[in-house]
């Protein structure tokens, strides 16, 4: 079974919030750059010829060919804040994946059905521990109430 603790769950929640915020910022910066500058033209080389290409086409090319492509190099110069946000988002995502891998012994990129079963079982076990503690505390509270009633009536 996977050992789940309150501190692990707090750390997981913190990393998830951080990753979500960085992902939203990155998406917003990309959307803004595309909306504002989609018609701006850049000189690129295609089939040995220099042509003018609109940024909206460079974004598509970047998506397909990656950051090391000519489009990626041009867009990095034009929109460094987007690529900084992308880098931070990737680092945050990596931290989250590493924490899940180390803290819960799960590879989230290659989860199998048995991993889901183990995780769900561990979550139930974690919750059950807390319910047992609450039941015991409630029982002790009830016993103390009865004892105090008995002591005050005699």
C-alpha atoms as a PDB file:
ATOM      1  CA  UNK A   1       0.000   0.000   0.000  1.00  0.00           C
ATOM      2  CA  UNK A   2       0.954   3.607  -0.482  1.00  0.00           C
ATOM      3  CA  UNK A   3       1.645   5.547   2.707  1.00  0.00           C
ATOM      4  CA  UNK A   4      -0.546   8.658   2.713  1.00  0.00           C
ATOM      5  CA  UNK A   5      -0.034  11.320   5.357  1.00  0.00           C
ATOM      6  CA  UNK A   6      -1.493  14.724   6.026  1.00  0.00           C
ATOM      7  CA  UNK A   7       1.842  16.409   5.259  1.00  0.00           C
ATOM      8  CA  UNK A   8       2.086  14.599   1.901  1.00  0.00           C
ATOM      9  CA  UNK A   9      -1.432  15.701   0.986  1.00  0.00           C
ATOM     10  CA  UNK A  10      -0.670  19.319   1.941  1.00  0.00           C
ATOM     11  CA  UNK A  11       2.525  19.302  -0.127  1.00  0.00           C
ATOM     12  CA  UNK A  12       0.675  17.717  -3.047  1.00  0.00           C
ATOM     13  CA  UNK A  13      -2.054  20.373  -2.872  1.00  0.00           C
ATOM     14  CA  UNK A  14       0.548  23.140  -2.756  1.00  0.00           C
ATOM     15  CA  UNK A  15       2.415  21.778  -5.781  1.00  0.00           C
ATOM     16  CA  UNK A  16      -0.835  21.320  -7.697  1.00  0.00           C
ATOM     17  CA  UNK A  17      -1.914  24.915  -7.035  1.00  0.00           C
ATOM     18  CA  UNK A  18       1.514  26.184  -8.089  1.00  0.00           C
ATOM     19  CA  UNK A  19       1.449  24.132 -11.289  1.00  0.00           C
ATOM     20  CA  UNK A  20      -2.095  25.242 -12.112  1.00  0.00           C
ATOM     21  CA  UNK A  21      -1.243  28.928 -11.602  1.00  0.00           C
ATOM     22  CA  UNK A  22       1.856  28.676 -13.781  1.00  0.00           C
ATOM     23  CA  UNK A  23      -0.071  26.818 -16.468  1.00  0.00           C
ATOM     24  CA  UNK A  24      -2.806  29.450 -16.486  1.00  0.00           C
ATOM     25  CA  UNK A  25      -0.251  32.268 -16.707  1.00  0.00           C
ATOM     26  CA  UNK A  26       1.535  30.553 -19.580  1.00  0.00           C
ATOM     27  CA  UNK A  27      -1.736  29.971 -21.448  1.00  0.00           C
ATOM     28  CA  UNK A  28      -2.816  33.565 -20.927  1.00  0.00           C
ATOM     29  CA  UNK A  29       0.509  34.926 -22.188  1.00  0.00           C
ATOM     30  CA  UNK A  30       0.352  32.724 -25.287  1.00  0.00           C
ATOM     31  CA  UNK A  31      -3.253  33.738 -25.961  1.00  0.00           C
ATOM     32  CA  UNK A  32      -2.414  37.429 -25.537  1.00  0.00           C
ATOM     33  CA  UNK A  33       0.623  37.192 -27.839  1.00  0.00           C
ATOM     34  CA  UNK A  34      -1.404  35.390 -30.482  1.00  0.00           C
ATOM     35  CA  UNK A  35      -4.321  37.854 -30.236  1.00  0.00           C
ATOM     36  CA  UNK A  36      -2.199  41.003 -30.335  1.00  0.00           C
ATOM     37  CA  UNK A  37       0.532  40.070 -32.787  1.00  0.00           C
ATOM     38  CA  UNK A  38      -0.896  37.363 -35.062  1.00  0.00           C
ATOM     39  CA  UNK A  39      -0.603  39.569 -38.156  1.00  0.00           C
ATOM     40  CA  UNK A  40       2.933  40.811 -37.447  1.00  0.00           C
ATOM     41  CA  UNK A  41       5.320  39.494 -40.109  1.00  0.00           C
ATOM     42  CA  UNK A  42       8.804  38.038 -39.783  1.00  0.00           C
ATOM     43  CA  UNK A  43      11.321  37.085 -42.408  1.00  0.00           C
ATOM     44  CA  UNK A  44      11.898  33.328 -42.552  1.00  0.00           C
ATOM     45  CA  UNK A  45      13.709  31.031 -44.923  1.00  0.00           C
ATOM     46  CA  UNK A  46      11.701  28.419 -46.789  1.00  0.00           C
ATOM     47  CA  UNK A  47      13.180  26.193 -49.486  1.00  0.00           C
ATOM     48  CA  UNK A  48      16.211  28.462 -49.686  1.00  0.00           C
ATOM     49  CA  UNK A  49      14.117  31.596 -50.208  1.00  0.00           C
ATOM     50  CA  UNK A  50      13.423  34.442 -47.795  1.00  0.00           C
ATOM     51  CA  UNK A  51       9.702  35.032 -47.307  1.00  0.00           C
ATOM     52  CA  UNK A  52       7.527  37.008 -44.897  1.00  0.00           C
ATOM     53  CA  UNK A  53       5.419  34.866 -42.544  1.00  0.00           C
ATOM     54  CA  UNK A  54       2.748  36.006 -40.123  1.00  0.00           C
ATOM     55  CA  UNK A  55       3.206  35.171 -36.464  1.00  0.00           C
ATOM     56  CA  UNK A  56       0.002  33.130 -36.391  1.00  0.00           C
ATOM     57  CA  UNK A  57       1.696  30.683 -38.784  1.00  0.00           C
ATOM     58  CA  UNK A  58       4.881  30.719 -36.719  1.00  0.00           C
ATOM     59  CA  UNK A  59       2.894  29.688 -33.622  1.00  0.00           C
ATOM     60  CA  UNK A  60       1.490  26.709 -35.548  1.00  0.00           C
ATOM     61  CA  UNK A  61       4.969  25.809 -36.735  1.00  0.00           C
ATOM     62  CA  UNK A  62       6.317  26.116 -33.196  1.00  0.00           C
ATOM     63  CA  UNK A  63       3.618  23.746 -31.951  1.00  0.00           C
ATOM     64  CA  UNK A  64       4.546  21.154 -34.568  1.00  0.00           C
ATOM     65  CA  UNK A  65       8.344  21.526 -34.747  1.00  0.00           C
ATOM     66  CA  UNK A  66       9.193  22.683 -31.214  1.00  0.00           C
ATOM     67  CA  UNK A  67      11.271  25.438 -29.639  1.00  0.00           C
ATOM     68  CA  UNK A  68      14.431  24.669 -31.599  1.00  0.00           C
ATOM     69  CA  UNK A  69      12.755  25.368 -34.930  1.00  0.00           C
ATOM     70  CA  UNK A  70      13.251  28.625 -36.803  1.00  0.00           C
ATOM     71  CA  UNK A  71       9.773  29.696 -35.693  1.00  0.00           C
ATOM     72  CA  UNK A  72      10.692  28.962 -32.086  1.00  0.00           C
ATOM     73  CA  UNK A  73      13.833  31.087 -32.313  1.00  0.00           C
ATOM     74  CA  UNK A  74      11.935  34.011 -33.842  1.00  0.00           C
ATOM     75  CA  UNK A  75       9.088  33.821 -31.316  1.00  0.00           C
ATOM     76  CA  UNK A  76      11.538  33.555 -28.390  1.00  0.00           C
ATOM     77  CA  UNK A  77      13.025  36.892 -29.443  1.00  0.00           C
ATOM     78  CA  UNK A  78       9.603  38.499 -29.899  1.00  0.00           C
ATOM     79  CA  UNK A  79       7.942  37.039 -26.797  1.00  0.00           C
ATOM     80  CA  UNK A  80      10.556  36.139 -24.154  1.00  0.00           C
ATOM     81  CA  UNK A  81       7.935  36.344 -21.374  1.00  0.00           C
ATOM     82  CA  UNK A  82       5.967  33.502 -22.988  1.00  0.00           C
ATOM     83  CA  UNK A  83       8.986  31.228 -23.087  1.00  0.00           C
ATOM     84  CA  UNK A  84       9.966  32.139 -19.520  1.00  0.00           C
ATOM     85  CA  UNK A  85       6.444  31.224 -18.393  1.00  0.00           C
ATOM     86  CA  UNK A  86       6.687  27.991 -20.409  1.00  0.00           C
ATOM     87  CA  UNK A  87       9.983  27.149 -18.683  1.00  0.00           C
ATOM     88  CA  UNK A  88       8.504  27.845 -15.229  1.00  0.00           C
ATOM     89  CA  UNK A  89       5.423  25.766 -16.058  1.00  0.00           C
ATOM     90  CA  UNK A  90       7.587  22.841 -17.175  1.00  0.00           C
ATOM     91  CA  UNK A  91       9.715  23.070 -14.008  1.00  0.00           C
ATOM     92  CA  UNK A  92       6.609  23.181 -11.825  1.00  0.00           C
ATOM     93  CA  UNK A  93       5.133  20.201 -13.646  1.00  0.00           C
ATOM     94  CA  UNK A  94       8.389  18.288 -13.219  1.00  0.00           C
ATOM     95  CA  UNK A  95       8.438  19.042  -9.458  1.00  0.00           C
ATOM     96  CA  UNK A  96       4.861  17.782  -9.140  1.00  0.00           C
ATOM     97  CA  UNK A  97       5.621  14.584 -11.062  1.00  0.00           C
ATOM     98  CA  UNK A  98       8.768  13.941  -9.012  1.00  0.00           C
ATOM     99  CA  UNK A  99       6.897  14.463  -5.744  1.00  0.00           C
ATOM    100  CA  UNK A 100       4.140  12.064  -6.780  1.00  0.00           C
ATOM    101  CA  UNK A 101       6.715   9.534  -7.932  1.00  0.00           C
ATOM    102  CA  UNK A 102       8.775   9.754  -4.724  1.00  0.00           C
ATOM    103  CA  UNK A 103       5.993  10.393  -2.190  1.00  0.00           C
ATOM    104  CA  UNK A 104       3.391   7.987  -3.497  1.00  0.00           C
ATOM    105  CA  UNK A 105       5.521   5.555  -5.554  1.00  0.00           C
ATOM    106  CA  UNK A 106       3.407   6.175  -8.658  1.00  0.00           C
ATOM    107  CA  UNK A 107       4.496   7.082 -12.170  1.00  0.00           C
ATOM    108  CA  UNK A 108       1.616   9.333 -13.228  1.00  0.00           C
ATOM    109  CA  UNK A 109       2.612   9.080 -16.884  1.00  0.00           C
ATOM    110  CA  UNK A 110       2.302   5.298 -16.885  1.00  0.00           C
ATOM    111  CA  UNK A 111      -0.392   4.443 -14.328  1.00  0.00           C
ATOM    112  CA  UNK A 112      -1.891   0.992 -14.523  1.00  0.00           C
ATOM    113  CA  UNK A 113      -5.212  -0.171 -13.167  1.00  0.00           C
ATOM    114  CA  UNK A 114      -3.417  -1.734 -10.186  1.00  0.00           C
ATOM    115  CA  UNK A 115      -1.884   1.669  -9.375  1.00  0.00           C
ATOM    116  CA  UNK A 116      -5.353   3.219  -9.269  1.00  0.00           C
ATOM    117  CA  UNK A 117      -6.577   0.412  -7.000  1.00  0.00           C
ATOM    118  CA  UNK A 118      -3.593   0.877  -4.651  1.00  0.00           C
ATOM    119  CA  UNK A 119      -4.107   4.638  -4.560  1.00  0.00           C
ATOM    120  CA  UNK A 120      -7.829   4.393  -3.835  1.00  0.00           C
ATOM    121  CA  UNK A 121      -7.209   1.731  -1.188  1.00  0.00           C
ATOM    122  CA  UNK A 122      -4.575   3.915   0.459  1.00  0.00           C
ATOM    123  CA  UNK A 123      -6.920   6.925   0.464  1.00  0.00           C
ATOM    124  CA  UNK A 124      -9.633   4.837   2.137  1.00  0.00           C
ATOM    125  CA  UNK A 125      -7.104   3.585   4.680  1.00  0.00           C
ATOM    126  CA  UNK A 126      -5.982   7.163   5.390  1.00  0.00           C
ATOM    127  CA  UNK A 127      -9.579   8.357   5.854  1.00  0.00           C
ATOM    128  CA  UNK A 128     -10.435   5.326   7.979  1.00  0.00           C
ATOM    129  CA  UNK A 129      -7.529   6.099  10.339  1.00  0.00           C
ATOM    130  CA  UNK A 130      -8.988   9.579  10.910  1.00  0.00           C
ATOM    131  CA  UNK A 131     -12.500   8.190  11.390  1.00  0.00           C
ATOM    132  CA  UNK A 132     -11.195   5.658  13.937  1.00  0.00           C
ATOM    133  CA  UNK A 133      -9.524   8.459  15.868  1.00  0.00           C
ATOM    134  CA  UNK A 134     -12.722  10.542  15.754  1.00  0.00           C
ATOM    135  CA  UNK A 135     -14.835   7.573  16.916  1.00  0.00           C
ATOM    136  CA  UNK A 136     -12.441   6.842  19.788  1.00  0.00           C
ATOM    137  CA  UNK A 137     -12.437  10.521  20.811  1.00  0.00           C
ATOM    138  CA  UNK A 138     -16.234  10.645  20.652  1.00  0.00           C
ATOM    139  CA  UNK A 139     -16.475   7.487  22.743  1.00  0.00           C
ATOM    140  CA  UNK A 140     -14.043   8.878  25.352  1.00  0.00           C
ATOM    141  CA  UNK A 141     -15.992  12.132  25.420  1.00  0.00           C
ATOM    142  CA  UNK A 142     -19.218  10.169  26.004  1.00  0.00           C
ATOM    143  CA  UNK A 143     -17.586   8.142  28.814  1.00  0.00           C
ATOM    144  CA  UNK A 144     -16.325  11.341  30.465  1.00  0.00           C
ATOM    145  CA  UNK A 145     -19.791  12.860  30.279  1.00  0.00           C
ATOM    146  CA  UNK A 146     -21.317   9.797  31.939  1.00  0.00           C
ATOM    147  CA  UNK A 147     -18.604   9.770  34.611  1.00  0.00           C
ATOM    148  CA  UNK A 148     -19.090  13.459  35.337  1.00  0.00           C
ATOM    149  CA  UNK A 149     -22.850  12.899  35.568  1.00  0.00           C
ATOM    150  CA  UNK A 150     -22.355   9.974  37.973  1.00  0.00           C
ATOM    151  CA  UNK A 151     -19.885  11.938  40.112  1.00  0.00           C
ATOM    152  CA  UNK A 152     -22.137  15.004  40.360  1.00  0.00           C
ATOM    153  CA  UNK A 153     -25.254  12.978  41.255  1.00  0.00           C
ATOM    154  CA  UNK A 154     -23.664  11.093  44.140  1.00  0.00           C
END
